[in-house]
Amino acid sequence: MDNSLEIAVERDGDALAALIAQWEDLAAHALEPNPAYEHWMMLPALQAAELDGFVCVLVRRGGRLEALFPFQRVRRLKGMAPSTLTSWRHPSWMLCTPLVRAESARECLAALFDWFDREGEPIAEFRYLPSDGRFHGALADALRGRNAMILATDSFSRALLGERRTMQNLVVGVGAWGEFWASMFPAAALGAARRAPPR
């Protein structure tokens, strides 16, 4: 049996709707929950939204869905980076933590970063992540040892599920763009990695 991870990309809600059973299983075993990215919230939001630039990266192992990363392509990031993938969200949402299976989180993130390299995606922005969340820590862990960087570009406080939490927007750069961003903001890049909580 082949246990390797595979990447698939979907660009509309109809294709994702065919995965509801796998999607529910992933949500039940996610490293960190996010109701906004479960099918019962995300599919209606996609139907109501303009999907120009929508890119949902799926990580699969055999017939099992291991991770779901909803992105939207934007032309520029912070006025500097080229065409960029940033977390997709409905305008009313304040949480964009991707659904990643807990037992394979680091593998899934490594597969995502390898896909970034293959597809020439030098920069990605993960928005509205709880800074004390497990995904935040897994993201920093997965980038260690790679030609990449992680930079916290925004930090703000939000009420989330009944409690006040600090949210962050994180930019991940790979390859030459990662080196460029790290040289521009070395203290911030290293600080983001040091502040990442343990898994």
N, C-alpha and C. Protein backbone atom coordinates (compact mmCIF):
# COMPACT_ATOMS: atom_id res chain seq x y z
N MET A 1 0.84 -1.20 0.00
CA MET A 1 0.00 0.00 0.00
C MET A 1 0.87 1.25 0.00
N ASP A 2 0.56 2.20 -0.87
CA ASP A 2 1.32 3.44 -0.96
C ASP A 2 0.84 4.41 0.10
N ASN A 3 1.75 4.77 1.04
CA ASN A 3 1.39 5.69 2.12
C ASN A 3 1.87 7.11 1.85
N SER A 4 2.33 7.39 0.64
CA SER A 4 2.83 8.73 0.34
C SER A 4 1.68 9.72 0.24
N LEU A 5 1.99 10.96 0.50
CA LEU A 5 1.00 12.03 0.41
C LEU A 5 0.93 12.56 -1.01
N GLU A 6 -0.28 12.91 -1.44
CA GLU A 6 -0.49 13.48 -2.75
C GLU A 6 -1.22 14.81 -2.62
N ILE A 7 -0.92 15.72 -3.54
CA ILE A 7 -1.56 17.04 -3.56
C ILE A 7 -2.57 17.09 -4.70
N ALA A 8 -3.75 17.61 -4.40
CA ALA A 8 -4.76 17.90 -5.42
C ALA A 8 -5.23 19.34 -5.22
N VAL A 9 -5.65 19.98 -6.29
CA VAL A 9 -6.11 21.36 -6.22
C VAL A 9 -7.52 21.45 -6.78
N GLU A 10 -8.43 22.04 -6.01
CA GLU A 10 -9.80 22.27 -6.46
C GLU A 10 -10.06 23.77 -6.47
N ARG A 11 -10.90 24.18 -7.42
CA ARG A 11 -11.12 25.62 -7.60
C ARG A 11 -12.60 26.01 -7.52
N ASP A 12 -13.47 25.08 -7.10
CA ASP A 12 -14.88 25.43 -6.94
C ASP A 12 -15.52 24.55 -5.88
N GLY A 13 -16.67 25.02 -5.39
CA GLY A 13 -17.36 24.32 -4.32
C GLY A 13 -17.94 22.99 -4.71
N ASP A 14 -18.34 22.83 -5.98
CA ASP A 14 -18.95 21.57 -6.40
C ASP A 14 -17.98 20.41 -6.25
N ALA A 15 -16.73 20.61 -6.60
CA ALA A 15 -15.73 19.56 -6.46
C ALA A 15 -15.50 19.23 -4.99
N LEU A 16 -15.51 20.24 -4.13
CA LEU A 16 -15.32 20.00 -2.70
C LEU A 16 -16.52 19.29 -2.09
N ALA A 17 -17.72 19.57 -2.60
CA ALA A 17 -18.93 18.95 -2.06
C ALA A 17 -18.90 17.44 -2.20
N ALA A 18 -18.15 16.93 -3.18
CA ALA A 18 -18.04 15.49 -3.37
C ALA A 18 -17.20 14.82 -2.28
N LEU A 19 -16.56 15.62 -1.44
CA LEU A 19 -15.64 15.10 -0.42
C LEU A 19 -16.20 15.21 0.98
N ILE A 20 -17.49 15.40 1.14
CA ILE A 20 -18.06 15.72 2.45
C ILE A 20 -17.73 14.64 3.49
N ALA A 21 -17.85 13.38 3.16
CA ALA A 21 -17.58 12.32 4.14
C ALA A 21 -16.13 12.37 4.62
N GLN A 22 -15.18 12.51 3.68
CA GLN A 22 -13.77 12.63 4.05
C GLN A 22 -13.51 13.91 4.83
N TRP A 23 -14.18 14.96 4.42
CA TRP A 23 -14.04 16.27 5.05
C TRP A 23 -14.48 16.21 6.51
N GLU A 24 -15.60 15.56 6.77
CA GLU A 24 -16.09 15.41 8.15
C GLU A 24 -15.10 14.63 9.01
N ASP A 25 -14.52 13.58 8.44
CA ASP A 25 -13.53 12.79 9.18
C ASP A 25 -12.30 13.62 9.50
N LEU A 26 -11.85 14.43 8.53
CA LEU A 26 -10.70 15.30 8.77
C LEU A 26 -11.01 16.29 9.88
N ALA A 27 -12.18 16.93 9.84
CA ALA A 27 -12.55 17.92 10.86
C ALA A 27 -12.59 17.30 12.25
N ALA A 28 -13.03 16.04 12.32
CA ALA A 28 -13.12 15.35 13.62
C ALA A 28 -11.75 15.01 14.19
N HIS A 29 -10.72 14.98 13.34
CA HIS A 29 -9.37 14.59 13.79
C HIS A 29 -8.34 15.69 13.50
N ALA A 30 -8.81 16.93 13.41
CA ALA A 30 -7.92 18.03 13.05
C ALA A 30 -7.02 18.43 14.22
N LEU A 31 -5.83 18.88 13.88
CA LEU A 31 -4.89 19.38 14.87
C LEU A 31 -5.52 20.51 15.68
N GLU A 32 -6.27 21.36 15.00
CA GLU A 32 -6.93 22.49 15.64
C GLU A 32 -8.27 22.71 14.94
N PRO A 33 -9.36 22.81 15.67
CA PRO A 33 -10.67 22.94 15.02
C PRO A 33 -10.87 24.31 14.40
N ASN A 34 -11.67 24.33 13.35
CA ASN A 34 -12.09 25.59 12.74
C ASN A 34 -13.45 25.36 12.07
N PRO A 35 -14.55 25.70 12.76
CA PRO A 35 -15.87 25.50 12.16
C PRO A 35 -16.05 26.21 10.82
N ALA A 36 -15.38 27.34 10.63
CA ALA A 36 -15.54 28.10 9.38
C ALA A 36 -15.05 27.31 8.17
N TYR A 37 -14.12 26.39 8.38
CA TYR A 37 -13.60 25.59 7.27
C TYR A 37 -14.21 24.20 7.21
N GLU A 38 -15.26 23.96 8.00
CA GLU A 38 -15.99 22.71 7.84
C GLU A 38 -17.02 22.87 6.73
N HIS A 39 -17.45 21.76 6.15
CA HIS A 39 -18.26 21.82 4.93
C HIS A 39 -19.58 22.57 5.13
N TRP A 40 -20.19 22.46 6.30
CA TRP A 40 -21.51 23.05 6.51
C TRP A 40 -21.45 24.58 6.58
N MET A 41 -20.26 25.15 6.81
CA MET A 41 -20.10 26.60 6.74
C MET A 41 -19.42 27.04 5.46
N MET A 42 -18.43 26.30 5.03
CA MET A 42 -17.62 26.75 3.91
C MET A 42 -18.34 26.62 2.57
N LEU A 43 -19.06 25.54 2.35
CA LEU A 43 -19.72 25.37 1.06
C LEU A 43 -20.78 26.45 0.79
N PRO A 44 -21.66 26.78 1.74
CA PRO A 44 -22.59 27.90 1.49
C PRO A 44 -21.86 29.23 1.28
N ALA A 45 -20.75 29.44 2.01
CA ALA A 45 -19.99 30.68 1.83
C ALA A 45 -19.38 30.75 0.43
N LEU A 46 -18.90 29.61 -0.08
CA LEU A 46 -18.35 29.59 -1.42
C LEU A 46 -19.43 29.86 -2.47
N GLN A 47 -20.62 29.32 -2.25
CA GLN A 47 -21.71 29.54 -3.19
C GLN A 47 -22.10 31.01 -3.28
N ALA A 48 -21.95 31.72 -2.16
CA ALA A 48 -22.34 33.13 -2.12
C ALA A 48 -21.22 34.08 -2.52
N ALA A 49 -20.02 33.54 -2.72
CA ALA A 49 -18.86 34.40 -2.93
C ALA A 49 -18.44 34.45 -4.39
N GLU A 50 -17.67 35.48 -4.71
CA GLU A 50 -16.96 35.53 -5.98
C GLU A 50 -15.71 34.66 -5.84
N LEU A 51 -15.57 33.66 -6.71
CA LEU A 51 -14.49 32.69 -6.55
C LEU A 51 -13.29 32.97 -7.45
N ASP A 52 -13.17 34.18 -7.92
CA ASP A 52 -12.02 34.52 -8.73
C ASP A 52 -10.75 34.34 -7.91
N GLY A 53 -9.87 33.46 -8.36
CA GLY A 53 -8.61 33.23 -7.66
C GLY A 53 -8.67 32.22 -6.55
N PHE A 54 -9.82 31.55 -6.34
CA PHE A 54 -9.93 30.56 -5.27
C PHE A 54 -9.10 29.33 -5.62
N VAL A 55 -8.27 28.89 -4.68
CA VAL A 55 -7.41 27.72 -4.85
C VAL A 55 -7.44 26.93 -3.54
N CYS A 56 -8.04 25.74 -3.55
CA CYS A 56 -8.07 24.92 -2.35
C CYS A 56 -7.10 23.75 -2.54
N VAL A 57 -6.05 23.74 -1.74
CA VAL A 57 -5.03 22.70 -1.83
C VAL A 57 -5.40 21.58 -0.87
N LEU A 58 -5.56 20.38 -1.41
CA LEU A 58 -5.91 19.20 -0.62
C LEU A 58 -4.71 18.28 -0.53
N VAL A 59 -4.48 17.74 0.66
CA VAL A 59 -3.44 16.74 0.85
C VAL A 59 -4.14 15.42 1.16
N ARG A 60 -3.79 14.37 0.41
CA ARG A 60 -4.47 13.08 0.57
C ARG A 60 -3.45 11.97 0.72
N ARG A 61 -3.87 10.93 1.43
CA ARG A 61 -3.09 9.71 1.52
C ARG A 61 -4.03 8.57 1.18
N GLY A 62 -3.86 7.98 0.00
CA GLY A 62 -4.81 6.97 -0.44
C GLY A 62 -6.19 7.61 -0.58
N GLY A 63 -7.17 7.01 0.06
CA GLY A 63 -8.53 7.56 -0.01
C GLY A 63 -8.88 8.47 1.14
N ARG A 64 -7.89 8.88 1.93
CA ARG A 64 -8.17 9.69 3.13
C ARG A 64 -7.68 11.12 2.93
N LEU A 65 -8.53 12.07 3.31
CA LEU A 65 -8.17 13.48 3.26
C LEU A 65 -7.37 13.83 4.51
N GLU A 66 -6.15 14.33 4.31
CA GLU A 66 -5.25 14.64 5.42
C GLU A 66 -5.21 16.12 5.77
N ALA A 67 -5.47 16.98 4.79
CA ALA A 67 -5.43 18.42 5.07
C ALA A 67 -6.19 19.17 3.98
N LEU A 68 -6.71 20.32 4.38
CA LEU A 68 -7.45 21.20 3.47
C LEU A 68 -6.99 22.63 3.72
N PHE A 69 -6.38 23.22 2.69
CA PHE A 69 -5.83 24.57 2.77
C PHE A 69 -6.56 25.47 1.77
N PRO A 70 -7.57 26.22 2.19
CA PRO A 70 -8.26 27.13 1.25
C PRO A 70 -7.48 28.45 1.10
N PHE A 71 -7.12 28.76 -0.14
CA PHE A 71 -6.39 29.99 -0.44
C PHE A 71 -7.15 30.80 -1.48
N GLN A 72 -6.75 32.06 -1.59
CA GLN A 72 -7.19 32.93 -2.68
C GLN A 72 -5.96 33.64 -3.23
N ARG A 73 -5.88 33.71 -4.55
CA ARG A 73 -4.73 34.39 -5.15
C ARG A 73 -4.96 35.90 -5.18
N VAL A 74 -3.98 36.64 -4.70
CA VAL A 74 -4.01 38.10 -4.78
C VAL A 74 -2.81 38.56 -5.60
N ARG A 75 -2.94 39.74 -6.19
CA ARG A 75 -1.89 40.20 -7.12
C ARG A 75 -0.60 40.54 -6.41
N ARG A 76 -0.72 41.20 -5.27
CA ARG A 76 0.48 41.60 -4.55
C ARG A 76 0.21 41.48 -3.06
N LEU A 77 1.28 41.28 -2.29
CA LEU A 77 1.17 41.21 -0.84
C LEU A 77 2.02 42.31 -0.21
N LYS A 78 1.38 43.13 0.63
CA LYS A 78 2.07 44.22 1.32
C LYS A 78 2.79 45.15 0.35
N GLY A 79 2.31 45.21 -0.91
CA GLY A 79 2.91 46.08 -1.90
C GLY A 79 4.28 45.65 -2.36
N MET A 80 4.71 44.41 -1.98
CA MET A 80 6.07 43.99 -2.30
C MET A 80 6.11 42.68 -3.08
N ALA A 81 5.46 41.66 -2.56
CA ALA A 81 5.61 40.34 -3.15
C ALA A 81 4.79 40.22 -4.43
N PRO A 82 5.15 39.27 -5.29
CA PRO A 82 4.37 39.05 -6.51
C PRO A 82 3.07 38.33 -6.20
N SER A 83 2.41 37.85 -7.22
CA SER A 83 1.17 37.08 -7.07
C SER A 83 1.31 36.08 -5.93
N THR A 84 0.34 36.12 -5.01
CA THR A 84 0.50 35.44 -3.72
C THR A 84 -0.77 34.67 -3.37
N LEU A 85 -0.60 33.54 -2.69
CA LEU A 85 -1.73 32.83 -2.11
C LEU A 85 -1.93 33.30 -0.68
N THR A 86 -3.16 33.66 -0.35
CA THR A 86 -3.49 34.10 1.01
C THR A 86 -4.73 33.34 1.48
N SER A 87 -4.89 33.15 2.76
CA SER A 87 -6.02 32.38 3.29
C SER A 87 -7.34 32.91 2.76
N TRP A 88 -8.17 32.01 2.23
CA TRP A 88 -9.50 32.41 1.77
C TRP A 88 -10.43 32.51 2.98
N ARG A 89 -11.28 33.53 2.97
CA ARG A 89 -12.25 33.66 4.05
C ARG A 89 -13.45 34.45 3.58
N HIS A 90 -14.58 34.19 4.20
CA HIS A 90 -15.76 35.04 4.05
C HIS A 90 -15.48 36.33 4.81
N PRO A 91 -15.96 37.48 4.33
CA PRO A 91 -15.64 38.74 5.01
C PRO A 91 -16.02 38.79 6.49
N SER A 92 -16.97 37.98 6.92
CA SER A 92 -17.38 38.01 8.33
C SER A 92 -16.54 37.09 9.21
N TRP A 93 -15.65 36.30 8.64
CA TRP A 93 -14.88 35.33 9.41
C TRP A 93 -13.62 35.95 9.99
N MET A 94 -13.29 35.55 11.21
CA MET A 94 -12.07 36.00 11.87
C MET A 94 -11.19 34.82 12.27
N LEU A 95 -11.34 33.69 11.58
CA LEU A 95 -10.54 32.51 11.89
C LEU A 95 -10.27 31.77 10.58
N CYS A 96 -8.99 31.56 10.28
CA CYS A 96 -8.62 30.91 9.02
C CYS A 96 -7.64 29.75 9.23
N THR A 97 -7.70 29.11 10.38
CA THR A 97 -6.82 27.97 10.62
C THR A 97 -7.18 26.82 9.68
N PRO A 98 -6.26 26.34 8.86
CA PRO A 98 -6.57 25.22 7.97
C PRO A 98 -6.86 23.95 8.77
N LEU A 99 -7.63 23.07 8.16
CA LEU A 99 -7.89 21.76 8.77
C LEU A 99 -6.77 20.81 8.36
N VAL A 100 -6.01 20.35 9.36
CA VAL A 100 -4.88 19.46 9.13
C VAL A 100 -4.98 18.30 10.13
N ARG A 101 -4.90 17.08 9.64
CA ARG A 101 -5.02 15.93 10.53
C ARG A 101 -3.89 15.95 11.55
N ALA A 102 -4.23 15.78 12.82
CA ALA A 102 -3.26 15.94 13.91
C ALA A 102 -2.08 14.99 13.77
N GLU A 103 -2.33 13.75 13.43
CA GLU A 103 -1.26 12.76 13.41
C GLU A 103 -0.29 12.93 12.25
N SER A 104 -0.65 13.75 11.26
CA SER A 104 0.23 13.92 10.10
C SER A 104 0.46 15.39 9.77
N ALA A 105 0.33 16.26 10.77
CA ALA A 105 0.38 17.70 10.51
C ALA A 105 1.71 18.13 9.88
N ARG A 106 2.81 17.68 10.45
CA ARG A 106 4.10 18.11 9.92
C ARG A 106 4.32 17.58 8.50
N GLU A 107 3.93 16.33 8.25
CA GLU A 107 4.03 15.77 6.91
C GLU A 107 3.20 16.57 5.90
N CYS A 108 1.99 16.93 6.31
CA CYS A 108 1.11 17.68 5.41
C CYS A 108 1.68 19.05 5.08
N LEU A 109 2.22 19.71 6.08
CA LEU A 109 2.81 21.03 5.83
C LEU A 109 4.05 20.92 4.95
N ALA A 110 4.86 19.87 5.17
CA ALA A 110 6.03 19.65 4.31
C ALA A 110 5.58 19.41 2.86
N ALA A 111 4.51 18.63 2.68
CA ALA A 111 3.98 18.38 1.34
C ALA A 111 3.48 19.67 0.70
N LEU A 112 2.85 20.53 1.50
CA LEU A 112 2.38 21.82 0.99
C LEU A 112 3.55 22.68 0.54
N PHE A 113 4.61 22.76 1.36
CA PHE A 113 5.76 23.58 1.01
C PHE A 113 6.48 23.02 -0.22
N ASP A 114 6.54 21.68 -0.34
CA ASP A 114 7.13 21.08 -1.55
C ASP A 114 6.31 21.47 -2.78
N TRP A 115 4.99 21.50 -2.62
CA TRP A 115 4.12 21.91 -3.73
C TRP A 115 4.36 23.37 -4.08
N PHE A 116 4.53 24.24 -3.06
CA PHE A 116 4.87 25.64 -3.32
C PHE A 116 6.12 25.70 -4.23
N ASP A 117 7.15 24.91 -3.87
CA ASP A 117 8.40 24.91 -4.64
C ASP A 117 8.15 24.48 -6.09
N ARG A 118 7.41 23.39 -6.26
CA ARG A 118 7.18 22.86 -7.60
C ARG A 118 6.37 23.82 -8.47
N GLU A 119 5.39 24.50 -7.85
CA GLU A 119 4.49 25.36 -8.59
C GLU A 119 4.97 26.80 -8.70
N GLY A 120 6.14 27.08 -8.13
CA GLY A 120 6.66 28.45 -8.19
C GLY A 120 5.85 29.43 -7.36
N GLU A 121 5.40 28.99 -6.19
CA GLU A 121 4.64 29.86 -5.27
C GLU A 121 5.59 30.29 -4.15
N PRO A 122 6.27 31.43 -4.30
CA PRO A 122 7.32 31.78 -3.34
C PRO A 122 6.81 32.31 -2.00
N ILE A 123 5.58 32.85 -2.00
CA ILE A 123 5.05 33.49 -0.79
C ILE A 123 3.63 33.01 -0.56
N ALA A 124 3.30 32.72 0.69
CA ALA A 124 1.91 32.43 1.07
C ALA A 124 1.63 33.11 2.40
N GLU A 125 0.41 33.59 2.55
CA GLU A 125 0.01 34.26 3.79
C GLU A 125 -1.08 33.44 4.47
N PHE A 126 -0.82 33.08 5.73
CA PHE A 126 -1.81 32.41 6.57
C PHE A 126 -2.40 33.46 7.50
N ARG A 127 -3.70 33.75 7.32
CA ARG A 127 -4.33 34.84 8.04
C ARG A 127 -5.16 34.34 9.22
N TYR A 128 -5.33 35.22 10.20
CA TYR A 128 -6.20 34.98 11.34
C TYR A 128 -5.93 33.63 12.01
N LEU A 129 -4.68 33.45 12.44
CA LEU A 129 -4.29 32.25 13.17
C LEU A 129 -4.13 32.61 14.65
N PRO A 130 -4.70 31.83 15.57
CA PRO A 130 -4.43 32.06 16.99
C PRO A 130 -2.95 31.85 17.27
N SER A 131 -2.31 32.83 17.89
CA SER A 131 -0.86 32.73 18.10
C SER A 131 -0.48 31.65 19.10
N ASP A 132 -1.46 31.22 19.93
CA ASP A 132 -1.18 30.15 20.88
C ASP A 132 -1.71 28.80 20.40
N GLY A 133 -2.08 28.72 19.14
CA GLY A 133 -2.69 27.51 18.62
C GLY A 133 -1.66 26.48 18.18
N ARG A 134 -2.09 25.24 18.07
CA ARG A 134 -1.21 24.15 17.68
C ARG A 134 -0.77 24.25 16.22
N PHE A 135 -1.64 24.78 15.35
CA PHE A 135 -1.24 24.92 13.96
C PHE A 135 -0.11 25.94 13.82
N HIS A 136 -0.19 27.02 14.56
CA HIS A 136 0.86 28.05 14.55
C HIS A 136 2.21 27.42 14.87
N GLY A 137 2.24 26.58 15.91
CA GLY A 137 3.48 25.90 16.28
C GLY A 137 3.94 24.91 15.24
N ALA A 138 3.00 24.14 14.68
CA ALA A 138 3.35 23.14 13.66
C ALA A 138 3.92 23.81 12.41
N LEU A 139 3.40 24.98 12.08
CA LEU A 139 3.88 25.72 10.91
C LEU A 139 5.35 26.10 11.09
N ALA A 140 5.69 26.63 12.25
CA ALA A 140 7.07 27.01 12.51
C ALA A 140 7.97 25.77 12.53
N ASP A 141 7.51 24.69 13.15
CA ASP A 141 8.29 23.46 13.20
C ASP A 141 8.59 22.92 11.80
N ALA A 142 7.59 22.94 10.94
CA ALA A 142 7.74 22.37 9.60
C ALA A 142 8.71 23.18 8.74
N LEU A 143 8.90 24.46 9.05
CA LEU A 143 9.79 25.29 8.26
C LEU A 143 11.24 25.20 8.69
N ARG A 144 11.49 24.68 9.89
CA ARG A 144 12.87 24.57 10.36
C ARG A 144 13.64 23.59 9.48
N GLY A 145 14.84 23.98 9.09
CA GLY A 145 15.66 23.13 8.25
C GLY A 145 15.40 23.31 6.76
N ARG A 146 14.44 24.18 6.39
CA ARG A 146 14.17 24.45 4.98
C ARG A 146 14.73 25.82 4.60
N ASN A 147 14.90 26.03 3.31
CA ASN A 147 15.29 27.34 2.80
C ASN A 147 14.04 28.22 2.78
N ALA A 148 13.63 28.68 3.95
CA ALA A 148 12.35 29.37 4.09
C ALA A 148 12.37 30.25 5.33
N MET A 149 11.34 31.06 5.49
CA MET A 149 11.19 31.89 6.67
C MET A 149 9.72 32.05 6.99
N ILE A 150 9.47 32.52 8.21
CA ILE A 150 8.10 32.82 8.65
C ILE A 150 8.13 34.18 9.33
N LEU A 151 7.19 35.03 8.96
CA LEU A 151 7.17 36.41 9.44
C LEU A 151 5.77 36.78 9.90
N ALA A 152 5.64 37.26 11.12
CA ALA A 152 4.36 37.77 11.62
C ALA A 152 4.20 39.20 11.15
N THR A 153 3.22 39.44 10.28
CA THR A 153 3.02 40.78 9.72
C THR A 153 1.97 41.58 10.47
N ASP A 154 1.06 40.92 11.16
CA ASP A 154 0.02 41.61 11.92
C ASP A 154 -0.28 40.80 13.18
N SER A 155 -0.61 41.48 14.24
CA SER A 155 -1.00 40.84 15.49
C SER A 155 -2.11 41.67 16.12
N PHE A 156 -3.19 41.01 16.52
CA PHE A 156 -4.34 41.74 17.04
C PHE A 156 -5.14 40.83 17.95
N SER A 157 -5.94 41.44 18.81
CA SER A 157 -6.75 40.69 19.77
C SER A 157 -8.17 40.57 19.27
N ARG A 158 -8.75 39.36 19.41
CA ARG A 158 -10.12 39.10 18.96
C ARG A 158 -10.82 38.19 19.97
N ALA A 159 -12.11 38.40 20.13
CA ALA A 159 -12.92 37.46 20.90
C ALA A 159 -13.16 36.24 20.01
N LEU A 160 -12.82 35.05 20.52
CA LEU A 160 -12.94 33.83 19.73
C LEU A 160 -13.48 32.73 20.62
N LEU A 161 -14.67 32.23 20.27
CA LEU A 161 -15.31 31.14 21.02
C LEU A 161 -15.36 31.44 22.51
N GLY A 162 -15.75 32.67 22.82
CA GLY A 162 -15.98 33.04 24.21
C GLY A 162 -14.78 33.51 24.97
N GLU A 163 -13.61 33.60 24.35
CA GLU A 163 -12.43 34.08 25.06
C GLU A 163 -11.63 35.02 24.18
N ARG A 164 -10.82 35.86 24.82
CA ARG A 164 -10.00 36.83 24.10
C ARG A 164 -8.69 36.16 23.72
N ARG A 165 -8.35 36.19 22.42
CA ARG A 165 -7.12 35.54 21.99
C ARG A 165 -6.37 36.46 21.03
N THR A 166 -5.06 36.29 20.99
CA THR A 166 -4.24 37.05 20.05
C THR A 166 -4.17 36.30 18.73
N MET A 167 -4.51 37.02 17.66
CA MET A 167 -4.49 36.45 16.32
C MET A 167 -3.32 37.05 15.55
N GLN A 168 -2.78 36.27 14.61
CA GLN A 168 -1.68 36.76 13.79
C GLN A 168 -1.91 36.43 12.33
N ASN A 169 -1.37 37.27 11.47
CA ASN A 169 -1.21 36.96 10.06
C ASN A 169 0.26 36.60 9.85
N LEU A 170 0.51 35.44 9.27
CA LEU A 170 1.88 34.97 9.07
C LEU A 170 2.17 34.83 7.58
N VAL A 171 3.30 35.37 7.16
CA VAL A 171 3.77 35.20 5.79
C VAL A 171 4.86 34.15 5.79
N VAL A 172 4.72 33.17 4.91
CA VAL A 172 5.72 32.13 4.73
C VAL A 172 6.39 32.35 3.39
N GLY A 173 7.71 32.42 3.38
CA GLY A 173 8.46 32.57 2.15
C GLY A 173 9.38 31.39 1.94
N VAL A 174 9.43 30.88 0.72
CA VAL A 174 10.31 29.76 0.41
C VAL A 174 11.29 30.17 -0.68
N GLY A 175 12.46 29.52 -0.68
CA GLY A 175 13.46 29.79 -1.71
C GLY A 175 14.01 31.20 -1.62
N ALA A 176 14.25 31.80 -2.77
CA ALA A 176 14.87 33.12 -2.83
C ALA A 176 14.02 34.19 -2.16
N TRP A 177 12.66 34.09 -2.30
CA TRP A 177 11.80 35.07 -1.65
C TRP A 177 11.86 34.94 -0.14
N GLY A 178 12.02 33.73 0.36
CA GLY A 178 12.18 33.55 1.80
C GLY A 178 13.43 34.23 2.30
N GLU A 179 14.52 34.08 1.56
CA GLU A 179 15.78 34.74 1.93
C GLU A 179 15.63 36.26 1.88
N PHE A 180 14.90 36.75 0.86
CA PHE A 180 14.71 38.20 0.72
C PHE A 180 13.94 38.77 1.91
N TRP A 181 12.81 38.13 2.26
CA TRP A 181 12.01 38.62 3.37
C TRP A 181 12.77 38.52 4.69
N ALA A 182 13.53 37.45 4.86
CA ALA A 182 14.31 37.30 6.10
C ALA A 182 15.37 38.39 6.20
N SER A 183 15.97 38.80 5.06
CA SER A 183 16.97 39.86 5.10
C SER A 183 16.33 41.22 5.37
N MET A 184 15.09 41.41 4.91
CA MET A 184 14.38 42.67 5.13
C MET A 184 13.92 42.81 6.57
N PHE A 185 13.48 41.69 7.17
CA PHE A 185 12.89 41.73 8.52
C PHE A 185 13.49 40.63 9.38
N PRO A 186 14.81 40.61 9.62
CA PRO A 186 15.42 39.48 10.32
C PRO A 186 14.91 39.29 11.74
N ALA A 187 14.72 40.37 12.49
CA ALA A 187 14.28 40.23 13.88
C ALA A 187 12.87 39.68 13.94
N ALA A 188 11.99 40.19 13.08
CA ALA A 188 10.60 39.72 13.08
C ALA A 188 10.51 38.27 12.66
N ALA A 189 11.32 37.88 11.65
CA ALA A 189 11.26 36.51 11.15
C ALA A 189 11.71 35.54 12.22
N LEU A 190 12.85 35.85 12.87
CA LEU A 190 13.34 34.95 13.92
C LEU A 190 12.41 34.95 15.11
N GLY A 191 11.84 36.14 15.44
CA GLY A 191 10.93 36.23 16.57
C GLY A 191 9.70 35.36 16.38
N ALA A 192 9.17 35.32 15.18
CA ALA A 192 7.99 34.50 14.91
C ALA A 192 8.28 33.04 15.19
N ALA A 193 9.48 32.59 14.82
CA ALA A 193 9.83 31.19 15.05
C ALA A 193 10.02 30.91 16.53
N ARG A 194 10.65 31.84 17.25
CA ARG A 194 10.89 31.61 18.68
C ARG A 194 9.61 31.61 19.48
N ARG A 195 8.64 32.44 19.08
CA ARG A 195 7.41 32.54 19.86
C ARG A 195 6.44 31.38 19.61
N ALA A 196 6.72 30.57 18.58
CA ALA A 196 5.80 29.50 18.25
C ALA A 196 5.69 28.53 19.41
N PRO A 197 4.48 28.20 19.87
CA PRO A 197 4.31 27.29 21.00
C PRO A 197 4.64 25.87 20.60
N PRO A 198 5.02 25.02 21.56
CA PRO A 198 5.26 23.62 21.24
C PRO A 198 3.99 22.92 20.84
N ARG A 199 4.12 21.87 20.03
CA ARG A 199 2.94 21.11 19.61
C ARG A 199 2.43 20.27 20.76
